[in-house]
Amino acid sequence: YRAATIRRICRAADVNVGAINYHFGDKERLYHEVLHFAFDQVHERHPIREPDPTTSVETRLHALVSGLLSRLLSARASWHGRLFAREFADPTAALQPVVARFIRPLVTRLEALVAEARPDLRPERRRLHALSLLGQCVFYKHARPVLDVLYGADAYGPDDLEPLADHIVAAFSRGLELPHE
C-alpha cells in the first residue's frame, strides 16, 4: 500500500488515472474500500452461525469457533488472507474501522459468552479468556508456515475444522472450569 502509487494502481487495473479520484477520492479511501470488500466477502462465504440461544454456552462457543476457523483457514492462499495479514502486521488508518465493523462484534460475542458462563469473573478476566480463545484460533492461521514444516501442508487445514474446534472449545472450557459436554 505505502509503496504503490495511484498511477501504478491504475496501470495494473487498466483504468484511467482519474478513476481513483472520481470513485474514491484518494488512494487511502480506495484501500479502505478494498479492505472492507475483502472482509465482507470472507464473512459472506464463511458466516458464523448463531445457534439457538437456549443451547449451552459450550455449543454456542463451538459454533463461533467453527465459523472463525472456517474464515481463517479458508483465507490461507487467497488475496484476502494476504491483505489482512499485511494490514495487521503494518497497520494503516484503515485498521480502526475494520476492527469496529468486523472484529469488535466477534470479541464482544466471545466476552458475552464468557460472562454468561462465568458471571463471577471481573470484566478484565473475561476479556483475557475471550482473547485467549481468539488467539488459539488465530494461531492456526498465522503459524501456517511453521505447521507446514512440522506436519506437512495438509495438516490442520479446512478438513480439520471440526476436530480443531472440538479441541479449542474443550481446552477453553477446562480453562473456564466449565463442565465439558
Protein backbone atom coordinates (compact mmCIF):
# COMPACT_ATOMS: atom_id res chain seq x y z
CA TYR A 1 0.00 0.00 0.00
CA ARG A 2 2.59 2.54 1.06
CA ALA A 3 4.80 1.96 -1.97
CA ALA A 4 2.00 1.82 -4.54
CA THR A 5 1.25 4.95 -6.49
CA ILE A 6 -2.11 5.88 -7.97
CA ARG A 7 -0.55 5.70 -11.44
CA ARG A 8 0.81 2.20 -10.79
CA ILE A 9 -2.55 1.01 -9.41
CA CYS A 10 -4.41 2.42 -12.42
CA ARG A 11 -1.92 0.93 -14.86
CA ALA A 12 -2.33 -2.53 -13.25
CA ALA A 13 -6.13 -2.16 -13.30
CA ASP A 14 -6.06 -0.78 -16.83
CA VAL A 15 -8.13 2.25 -15.86
CA ASN A 16 -7.75 6.00 -16.23
CA VAL A 17 -5.70 7.70 -13.51
CA GLY A 18 -8.67 9.92 -12.67
CA ALA A 19 -10.81 6.87 -11.81
CA ILE A 20 -9.49 6.60 -8.27
CA ASN A 21 -10.09 10.26 -7.52
CA TYR A 22 -13.51 10.16 -9.16
CA HIS A 23 -14.77 6.99 -7.42
CA PHE A 24 -12.86 7.04 -4.14
CA GLY A 25 -11.29 10.47 -3.66
CA ASP A 26 -7.79 9.17 -3.00
CA LYS A 27 -5.62 6.09 -2.60
CA GLU A 28 -6.37 5.83 1.13
CA ARG A 29 -10.14 5.67 0.57
CA LEU A 30 -9.63 3.10 -2.21
CA TYR A 31 -7.62 0.96 0.21
CA HIS A 32 -10.31 1.28 2.91
CA GLU A 33 -12.93 0.12 0.42
CA VAL A 34 -10.82 -2.83 -0.76
CA LEU A 35 -10.20 -3.92 2.83
CA HIS A 36 -13.91 -3.70 3.69
CA PHE A 37 -14.80 -5.54 0.47
CA ALA A 38 -12.37 -8.33 1.37
CA PHE A 39 -13.79 -8.69 4.90
CA ASP A 40 -17.35 -8.63 3.51
CA GLN A 41 -16.50 -11.42 1.06
CA VAL A 42 -14.94 -13.63 3.73
CA HIS A 43 -17.87 -13.03 6.09
CA GLU A 44 -20.40 -13.86 3.35
CA ARG A 45 -18.58 -17.03 2.32
CA HIS A 46 -17.98 -18.17 5.90
CA PRO A 47 -20.76 -16.92 8.15
CA ILE A 48 -20.63 -17.62 11.84
CA ARG A 49 -23.99 -19.12 12.58
CA GLU A 50 -25.96 -18.09 15.62
CA PRO A 51 -27.18 -21.24 17.35
CA ASP A 52 -30.31 -21.27 19.44
CA PRO A 53 -29.61 -19.04 22.47
CA THR A 54 -31.12 -21.71 24.73
CA THR A 55 -28.31 -24.15 23.89
CA SER A 56 -25.34 -24.49 26.21
CA VAL A 57 -22.54 -21.94 26.26
CA GLU A 58 -20.19 -24.63 25.01
CA THR A 59 -22.44 -25.35 22.00
CA ARG A 60 -22.56 -21.65 21.14
CA LEU A 61 -18.79 -21.34 21.61
CA HIS A 62 -18.29 -24.29 19.29
CA ALA A 63 -20.39 -22.63 16.58
CA LEU A 64 -18.41 -19.42 16.94
CA VAL A 65 -15.04 -21.20 16.91
CA SER A 66 -16.02 -23.36 13.90
CA GLY A 67 -17.11 -20.29 11.95
CA LEU A 68 -13.98 -18.37 12.86
CA LEU A 69 -11.69 -21.26 11.95
CA SER A 70 -13.54 -21.64 8.66
CA ARG A 71 -12.80 -18.00 7.88
CA LEU A 72 -9.19 -18.18 8.96
CA LEU A 73 -8.32 -21.46 7.31
CA SER A 74 -10.10 -20.67 4.05
CA ALA A 75 -8.16 -17.46 3.52
CA ARG A 76 -4.84 -19.31 3.51
CA ALA A 77 -3.91 -18.88 -0.13
CA SER A 78 -6.33 -16.13 -1.03
CA TRP A 79 -5.58 -12.48 -1.63
CA HIS A 80 -7.93 -11.77 1.29
CA GLY A 81 -5.67 -13.51 3.79
CA ARG A 82 -2.53 -11.84 2.47
CA LEU A 83 -4.22 -8.43 2.62
CA PHE A 84 -5.43 -8.98 6.20
CA ALA A 85 -2.02 -10.22 7.33
CA ARG A 86 -0.33 -7.21 5.78
CA GLU A 87 -2.76 -4.78 7.40
CA PHE A 88 -2.41 -6.41 10.83
CA ALA A 89 1.39 -6.51 10.60
CA ASP A 90 1.77 -2.95 9.30
CA PRO A 91 -1.45 -1.14 10.20
CA THR A 92 -2.82 1.85 8.37
CA ALA A 93 -5.66 4.20 9.25
CA ALA A 94 -7.99 1.57 7.77
CA LEU A 95 -7.48 -0.75 10.74
CA GLN A 96 -9.68 1.17 13.17
CA PRO A 97 -12.90 0.98 11.09
CA VAL A 98 -12.16 -2.67 10.22
CA VAL A 99 -11.83 -3.54 13.90
CA ALA A 100 -15.02 -1.64 14.73
CA ARG A 101 -17.07 -3.32 11.99
CA PHE A 102 -15.69 -6.84 11.82
CA ILE A 103 -13.55 -7.75 14.82
CA ARG A 104 -15.13 -5.96 17.78
CA PRO A 105 -18.53 -7.69 17.29
CA LEU A 106 -16.80 -11.08 17.41
CA VAL A 107 -14.84 -10.19 20.55
CA THR A 108 -18.00 -8.78 22.13
CA ARG A 109 -19.81 -12.09 21.43
CA LEU A 110 -16.94 -14.03 22.99
CA GLU A 111 -16.87 -11.80 26.06
CA ALA A 112 -20.65 -12.18 26.45
CA LEU A 113 -20.37 -15.97 26.31
CA VAL A 114 -17.58 -15.91 28.89
CA ALA A 115 -19.70 -13.62 31.09
CA GLU A 116 -22.65 -15.97 30.78
CA ALA A 117 -20.53 -19.00 31.62
CA ARG A 118 -18.66 -17.31 34.45
CA PRO A 119 -20.58 -14.29 35.76
CA ASP A 120 -18.28 -14.27 38.79
CA LEU A 121 -15.28 -13.12 36.72
CA ARG A 122 -14.28 -9.49 36.61
CA PRO A 123 -14.54 -7.85 33.16
CA GLU A 124 -10.74 -7.83 32.74
CA ARG A 125 -10.60 -11.61 33.33
CA ARG A 126 -13.47 -12.18 30.89
CA ARG A 127 -11.57 -10.18 28.29
CA LEU A 128 -8.43 -12.26 28.83
CA HIS A 129 -10.36 -15.50 28.41
CA ALA A 130 -12.08 -14.21 25.25
CA LEU A 131 -8.80 -13.03 23.74
CA SER A 132 -7.09 -16.32 24.63
CA LEU A 133 -9.77 -18.22 22.73
CA LEU A 134 -9.37 -15.89 19.78
CA GLY A 135 -5.59 -16.35 19.95
CA GLN A 136 -5.92 -20.13 19.83
CA CYS A 137 -7.95 -19.83 16.62
CA VAL A 138 -5.68 -17.25 15.00
CA PHE A 139 -2.62 -19.40 15.78
CA TYR A 140 -3.63 -21.93 13.11
CA LYS A 141 -3.69 -19.13 10.53
CA HIS A 142 -0.53 -17.24 11.41
CA ALA A 143 1.63 -20.23 12.32
CA ARG A 144 0.78 -21.90 8.99
CA PRO A 145 4.35 -21.88 7.63
CA VAL A 146 5.65 -23.48 10.84
CA LEU A 147 2.84 -26.05 10.87
CA ASP A 148 3.62 -26.89 7.22
CA VAL A 149 7.25 -27.61 8.12
CA LEU A 150 6.37 -29.55 11.27
CA TYR A 151 3.46 -31.63 9.98
CA GLY A 152 3.09 -31.10 6.23
CA ALA A 153 0.95 -28.79 4.11
CA ASP A 154 -2.20 -30.84 4.63
CA ALA A 155 -2.13 -30.74 8.44
CA TYR A 156 -4.57 -28.50 10.24
CA GLY A 157 -6.40 -27.20 7.22
CA PRO A 158 -10.08 -26.82 6.32
CA ASP A 159 -10.64 -30.58 6.57
CA ASP A 160 -9.59 -30.47 10.22
CA LEU A 161 -12.05 -27.75 11.16
CA GLU A 162 -14.29 -29.80 13.47
CA PRO A 163 -11.52 -31.60 15.36
CA LEU A 164 -9.72 -28.27 15.84
CA ALA A 165 -12.92 -26.60 17.04
CA ASP A 166 -13.59 -29.52 19.40
CA HIS A 167 -10.08 -29.28 20.82
CA ILE A 168 -10.10 -25.49 21.23
CA VAL A 169 -13.53 -25.41 22.88
CA ALA A 170 -12.69 -28.31 25.20
CA ALA A 171 -9.43 -26.64 26.30
CA PHE A 172 -11.20 -23.32 26.71
CA SER A 173 -13.99 -24.91 28.75
CA ARG A 174 -11.44 -26.54 31.05
CA GLY A 175 -9.71 -23.18 31.46
CA LEU A 176 -13.02 -21.60 32.43
CA GLU A 177 -13.77 -24.61 34.61
CA LEU A 178 -17.00 -25.38 32.72
CA PRO A 179 -18.49 -28.85 32.58
CA HIS A 180 -17.42 -30.32 29.21
CA GLU A 181 -20.20 -31.90 27.11
